[in-house]
Amino acid sequence: MRIVRFLAAAGRPATSREIALRTGIPSGHVPSIVAALSRAGILRTRPGQGGGCALARRPAELFVLDVIQALEGPVVLDECILDRSRPHGPPWCALHDSWMQVQDALVATLGAVSVADLVASGGEGAGSGLEAPTGYVGSS
């Protein structure tokens, strides 16, 4: 999330080195995260001198859920909180229906918060210190 937020705030492409410096993510981890986000269509990359990566979509059209699912897979609460040794599936435990409501609320909430919202909110952990951009880096 820090990479996406940084790129949205910067409003321009950045190199892996700059991303690592600005976000505090270890430089050895940045390329694999960028690759996963690129495969998911969240980032656009350009190799070589003058290259780097940038958001592939406008920050207002990119949601926290998109980023989480690109890196972690679907948001699924499939572990029984009453009995962790219980396999997921019928017969369902007494909390199953409530737990599914929690999952639905979590997915809906994460799907409603855009990257533009994160940049606009500022606050601790912003990872960039930059002001919100007026545009985005997209394909021309």
C-alpha atoms as a PDB file:
ATOM      1  CA  MET A   1       0.000   0.000   0.000  1.00  0.00           C
ATOM      2  CA  ARG A   2       2.885   2.354   0.765  1.00  0.00           C
ATOM      3  CA  ILE A   3       4.226   2.101  -2.788  1.00  0.00           C
ATOM      4  CA  VAL A   4       0.852   2.876  -4.335  1.00  0.00           C
ATOM      5  CA  ARG A   5       0.244   5.755  -1.947  1.00  0.00           C
ATOM      6  CA  PHE A   6       3.693   7.202  -2.601  1.00  0.00           C
ATOM      7  CA  LEU A   7       3.255   7.035  -6.383  1.00  0.00           C
ATOM      8  CA  ALA A   8      -0.188   8.616  -6.149  1.00  0.00           C
ATOM      9  CA  ALA A   9       1.149  11.453  -4.004  1.00  0.00           C
ATOM     10  CA  ALA A  10       4.184  11.958  -6.257  1.00  0.00           C
ATOM     11  CA  GLY A  11       2.061  12.051  -9.408  1.00  0.00           C
ATOM     12  CA  ARG A  12       5.051  10.927 -11.485  1.00  0.00           C
ATOM     13  CA  PRO A  13       7.100   7.799 -12.178  1.00  0.00           C
ATOM     14  CA  ALA A  14       9.702   6.761  -9.608  1.00  0.00           C
ATOM     15  CA  THR A  15      12.548   4.277  -9.592  1.00  0.00           C
ATOM     16  CA  SER A  16      12.691   1.296  -7.260  1.00  0.00           C
ATOM     17  CA  ARG A  17      15.515   3.008  -5.387  1.00  0.00           C
ATOM     18  CA  GLU A  18      13.485   6.163  -4.814  1.00  0.00           C
ATOM     19  CA  ILE A  19      10.468   4.116  -3.756  1.00  0.00           C
ATOM     20  CA  ALA A  20      12.568   2.262  -1.195  1.00  0.00           C
ATOM     21  CA  LEU A  21      14.020   5.506   0.173  1.00  0.00           C
ATOM     22  CA  ARG A  22      10.683   7.321   0.356  1.00  0.00           C
ATOM     23  CA  THR A  23       8.555   4.478   1.745  1.00  0.00           C
ATOM     24  CA  GLY A  24      10.995   2.719   4.053  1.00  0.00           C
ATOM     25  CA  ILE A  25      10.433  -0.595   2.268  1.00  0.00           C
ATOM     26  CA  PRO A  26      13.706  -2.553   2.009  1.00  0.00           C
ATOM     27  CA  SER A  27      15.148  -2.117  -1.480  1.00  0.00           C
ATOM     28  CA  GLY A  28      15.332  -5.883  -1.958  1.00  0.00           C
ATOM     29  CA  HIS A  29      11.555  -6.190  -1.559  1.00  0.00           C
ATOM     30  CA  VAL A  30      10.473  -3.349  -3.833  1.00  0.00           C
ATOM     31  CA  PRO A  31      10.969  -5.155  -7.194  1.00  0.00           C
ATOM     32  CA  SER A  32       8.799  -8.138  -6.239  1.00  0.00           C
ATOM     33  CA  ILE A  33       6.026  -5.892  -4.913  1.00  0.00           C
ATOM     34  CA  VAL A  34       6.185  -3.703  -8.022  1.00  0.00           C
ATOM     35  CA  ALA A  35       6.056  -6.821 -10.224  1.00  0.00           C
ATOM     36  CA  ALA A  36       2.942  -8.127  -8.459  1.00  0.00           C
ATOM     37  CA  LEU A  37       1.214  -4.750  -8.692  1.00  0.00           C
ATOM     38  CA  SER A  38       2.189  -4.471 -12.342  1.00  0.00           C
ATOM     39  CA  ARG A  39       0.783  -7.943 -13.137  1.00  0.00           C
ATOM     40  CA  ALA A  40      -2.476  -6.851 -11.511  1.00  0.00           C
ATOM     41  CA  GLY A  41      -2.672  -3.746 -13.712  1.00  0.00           C
ATOM     42  CA  ILE A  42      -2.163  -1.360 -10.791  1.00  0.00           C
ATOM     43  CA  LEU A  43       1.285  -0.138 -11.834  1.00  0.00           C
ATOM     44  CA  ARG A  44       2.862   0.490 -15.205  1.00  0.00           C
ATOM     45  CA  THR A  45       6.626  -0.019 -15.463  1.00  0.00           C
ATOM     46  CA  ARG A  46       9.232   1.166 -17.934  1.00  0.00           C
ATOM     47  CA  PRO A  47      12.719  -0.398 -17.738  1.00  0.00           C
ATOM     48  CA  GLY A  48      16.004   1.302 -18.438  1.00  0.00           C
ATOM     49  CA  GLN A  49      17.376   4.803 -18.037  1.00  0.00           C
ATOM     50  CA  GLY A  50      14.564   7.259 -17.510  1.00  0.00           C
ATOM     51  CA  GLY A  51      12.281   4.392 -16.591  1.00  0.00           C
ATOM     52  CA  GLY A  52      10.522   3.570 -13.380  1.00  0.00           C
ATOM     53  CA  CYS A  53       6.999   2.791 -12.351  1.00  0.00           C
ATOM     54  CA  ALA A  54       3.806   4.771 -12.024  1.00  0.00           C
ATOM     55  CA  LEU A  55       0.153   4.153 -11.338  1.00  0.00           C
ATOM     56  CA  ALA A  56      -1.684   2.594 -14.262  1.00  0.00           C
ATOM     57  CA  ARG A  57      -4.985   4.129 -13.136  1.00  0.00           C
ATOM     58  CA  ARG A  58      -6.050   7.406 -11.618  1.00  0.00           C
ATOM     59  CA  PRO A  59      -5.872   7.348  -7.797  1.00  0.00           C
ATOM     60  CA  ALA A  60      -9.632   7.977  -7.578  1.00  0.00           C
ATOM     61  CA  GLU A  61     -10.248   4.812  -9.629  1.00  0.00           C
ATOM     62  CA  LEU A  62      -7.944   2.581  -7.599  1.00  0.00           C
ATOM     63  CA  PHE A  63      -9.138   1.147  -4.299  1.00  0.00           C
ATOM     64  CA  VAL A  64      -7.460  -0.301  -1.224  1.00  0.00           C
ATOM     65  CA  LEU A  65      -9.192  -3.621  -1.945  1.00  0.00           C
ATOM     66  CA  ASP A  66      -7.559  -3.741  -5.401  1.00  0.00           C
ATOM     67  CA  VAL A  67      -4.090  -3.392  -3.893  1.00  0.00           C
ATOM     68  CA  ILE A  68      -4.687  -5.903  -1.094  1.00  0.00           C
ATOM     69  CA  GLN A  69      -6.080  -8.489  -3.487  1.00  0.00           C
ATOM     70  CA  ALA A  70      -3.184  -7.960  -5.904  1.00  0.00           C
ATOM     71  CA  LEU A  71      -0.674  -8.705  -3.154  1.00  0.00           C
ATOM     72  CA  GLU A  72      -2.533 -11.102  -0.862  1.00  0.00           C
ATOM     73  CA  GLY A  73      -5.325 -12.643  -2.934  1.00  0.00           C
ATOM     74  CA  PRO A  74      -9.029 -12.509  -2.134  1.00  0.00           C
ATOM     75  CA  VAL A  75     -10.106 -11.195   1.263  1.00  0.00           C
ATOM     76  CA  VAL A  76     -11.631 -14.317   2.786  1.00  0.00           C
ATOM     77  CA  LEU A  77     -12.252 -14.970   6.464  1.00  0.00           C
ATOM     78  CA  ASP A  78     -12.346 -18.727   6.240  1.00  0.00           C
ATOM     79  CA  GLU A  79     -10.858 -19.782   9.563  1.00  0.00           C
ATOM     80  CA  CYS A  80     -13.354 -20.744  12.253  1.00  0.00           C
ATOM     81  CA  ILE A  81     -12.799 -18.407  15.201  1.00  0.00           C
ATOM     82  CA  LEU A  82     -14.399 -20.865  17.603  1.00  0.00           C
ATOM     83  CA  ASP A  83     -12.246 -23.836  16.622  1.00  0.00           C
ATOM     84  CA  ARG A  84      -9.160 -23.225  14.466  1.00  0.00           C
ATOM     85  CA  SER A  85      -8.693 -26.941  13.905  1.00  0.00           C
ATOM     86  CA  ARG A  86     -12.121 -27.169  12.258  1.00  0.00           C
ATOM     87  CA  PRO A  87     -11.958 -27.331   8.446  1.00  0.00           C
ATOM     88  CA  HIS A  88     -13.797 -24.624   6.525  1.00  0.00           C
ATOM     89  CA  GLY A  89     -17.076 -25.958   5.224  1.00  0.00           C
ATOM     90  CA  PRO A  90     -20.377 -27.417   6.323  1.00  0.00           C
ATOM     91  CA  PRO A  91     -21.508 -28.063   8.901  1.00  0.00           C
ATOM     92  CA  TRP A  92     -20.954 -24.417   9.770  1.00  0.00           C
ATOM     93  CA  CYS A  93     -20.185 -23.248  13.288  1.00  0.00           C
ATOM     94  CA  ALA A  94     -22.551 -21.061  15.296  1.00  0.00           C
ATOM     95  CA  LEU A  95     -20.717 -17.873  14.256  1.00  0.00           C
ATOM     96  CA  HIS A  96     -20.475 -18.608  10.535  1.00  0.00           C
ATOM     97  CA  ASP A  97     -23.253 -16.293   9.362  1.00  0.00           C
ATOM     98  CA  SER A  98     -21.992 -13.440  11.544  1.00  0.00           C
ATOM     99  CA  TRP A  99     -18.414 -14.034  10.400  1.00  0.00           C
ATOM    100  CA  MET A 100     -19.528 -13.831   6.755  1.00  0.00           C
ATOM    101  CA  GLN A 101     -21.250 -10.500   7.511  1.00  0.00           C
ATOM    102  CA  VAL A 102     -17.939  -9.252   8.927  1.00  0.00           C
ATOM    103  CA  GLN A 103     -16.156 -10.398   5.760  1.00  0.00           C
ATOM    104  CA  ASP A 104     -18.725  -8.683   3.546  1.00  0.00           C
ATOM    105  CA  ALA A 105     -18.402  -5.448   5.552  1.00  0.00           C
ATOM    106  CA  LEU A 106     -14.598  -5.596   5.374  1.00  0.00           C
ATOM    107  CA  VAL A 107     -14.612  -6.126   1.620  1.00  0.00           C
ATOM    108  CA  ALA A 108     -17.163  -3.340   1.120  1.00  0.00           C
ATOM    109  CA  THR A 109     -15.175  -0.915   3.269  1.00  0.00           C
ATOM    110  CA  LEU A 110     -11.840  -1.653   1.589  1.00  0.00           C
ATOM    111  CA  GLY A 111     -13.548  -1.405  -1.786  1.00  0.00           C
ATOM    112  CA  ALA A 112     -14.906   2.048  -0.950  1.00  0.00           C
ATOM    113  CA  VAL A 113     -11.614   3.694   0.063  1.00  0.00           C
ATOM    114  CA  SER A 114      -9.708   4.999  -2.936  1.00  0.00           C
ATOM    115  CA  VAL A 115      -6.009   5.690  -3.152  1.00  0.00           C
ATOM    116  CA  ALA A 116      -6.960   9.336  -3.701  1.00  0.00           C
ATOM    117  CA  ASP A 117      -8.716   9.212  -0.303  1.00  0.00           C
ATOM    118  CA  LEU A 118      -5.514   7.898   1.309  1.00  0.00           C
ATOM    119  CA  VAL A 119      -3.403  10.648  -0.222  1.00  0.00           C
ATOM    120  CA  ALA A 120      -5.907  13.326   0.751  1.00  0.00           C
ATOM    121  CA  SER A 121      -6.079  12.089   4.346  1.00  0.00           C
ATOM    122  CA  GLY A 122      -2.323  12.535   4.883  1.00  0.00           C
ATOM    123  CA  GLY A 123      -1.578  11.609   8.476  1.00  0.00           C
ATOM    124  CA  GLU A 124       1.058   9.302   9.911  1.00  0.00           C
ATOM    125  CA  GLY A 125       2.456   6.633   7.682  1.00  0.00           C
ATOM    126  CA  ALA A 126       1.834   8.590   4.511  1.00  0.00           C
ATOM    127  CA  GLY A 127       5.210   7.409   3.288  1.00  0.00           C
ATOM    128  CA  SER A 128       5.942  10.402   1.126  1.00  0.00           C
ATOM    129  CA  GLY A 129       5.450  13.783   2.698  1.00  0.00           C
ATOM    130  CA  LEU A 130       4.270  15.011  -0.682  1.00  0.00           C
ATOM    131  CA  GLU A 131       1.079  16.906  -1.297  1.00  0.00           C
ATOM    132  CA  ALA A 132      -1.787  15.306  -3.176  1.00  0.00           C
ATOM    133  CA  PRO A 133      -1.322  15.497  -6.951  1.00  0.00           C
ATOM    134  CA  THR A 134      -3.691  17.230  -9.299  1.00  0.00           C
ATOM    135  CA  GLY A 135      -3.214  14.560 -11.983  1.00  0.00           C
ATOM    136  CA  TYR A 136      -1.830  11.094 -12.428  1.00  0.00           C
ATOM    137  CA  VAL A 137       0.733   9.340 -14.527  1.00  0.00           C
ATOM    138  CA  GLY A 138      -1.172   7.321 -17.081  1.00  0.00           C
ATOM    139  CA  SER A 139      -0.727   6.135 -20.609  1.00  0.00           C
ATOM    140  CA  SER A 140      -0.795   8.733 -23.320  1.00  0.00           C
END
